[in-house]
Amino acid sequence: MPSQMTEHGYSKLNAFERCPRYYYFSHVLKLQSKKLAMAPTFGSVMHKGREEWLKNGRSLQHAVDGVKLILQQFVEEGWSNFSDPMEIEEFTNYCLRGIYEYHMQYKDDTIEYIPEGLEVDFKLPFEHSYFTGRLDGVCILNKMVWVDEFKTTGMTAARYLSNMTMDGKCTAYVWAARKAGFTNVQGVHLDVMVKKPRKTGFEFVRDILPKTDFQLEQWERATKELYRRMYWCEQEGYWPEHYHSCSNMFGSCPYMDLCRFGATEQLINAQFVRREEVKEDDD
């Protein structure tokens, strides 16, 4: 059953599972709320700094250069919506402090990162479509191979690790790593950077999440079902709401008014821009 939408990353599948109508507005119509900040996120900046750090022998200077480069790109491309230069400077200094503390924490660690596994894009055939994404890395720890996942969070370390125990993306990326040729991957190595309150510093924690063959098989079966449901919605032109997703601890769905009053051009133009007009990272 061919589909017009031939590539899906984990975030797209997760959006559809959350709510098919949310997926429709976000990934079919590609609507971006005008209220959402278009400034770079701390996580995206740390990813770039860490990538340069790993690719250059744990060099602090390369990590700092990576952070400065991505921040400069965001400013030049108009992504920053900070109200004044002082906010940009504060955010820059916060990011530089973060990569410095990360370096000091792990500059002498003994984890081996496989060069061909660092920041690798994958595009794998899946249910008449493609499953796409990017591996943060592949590493060797305790003589076993793991998908490396770098995360930043404002949660406590204990709560975050608890939430990650059955994380779908972690399972998906182990599945993808095996399909991409890293057949002996055992699970996920989590590298978590916890932001402390009031920007007072950072906490660092690492953990491993072994993944069983049963978990990978179950993920594949469940995801095939998602693809089939997605295809049905495409063919029928019907994207039902999941009302339990309209509001949660993180706030209200940005598309709530479109579900309440109808997705008229007037309302769309008042509250959203088309994502084609905004540069963004892929899934």
Foldseek 3Di string as FASTA:
>chain_A
DADPAFEDEPVLLVQLVLFLVSSCVCPVQNWDFPPDQLQDDLWVLQLQLVLQCQVPLNDLVSSLVSSVVVNVVCVVQVSHPDPDVVVSVVVSVLSNQQSVVVSVVPSPPDKAWDVVFAFDWDWDDAQNHTYIDTQNTWIADPNAIAGEDEEEEQDPPVVVVVVCQLDLVQLVVQLRCCVVPPVRHFTYKYWYWHQYPPSPHIDTDIDTHGDDPVSNVVSSVVSSVSVVVSRVCVVVVDTGTDVVSQADPVGGSLCVVCVVPNDDPVVSVVTTDRCVVPDDDDD
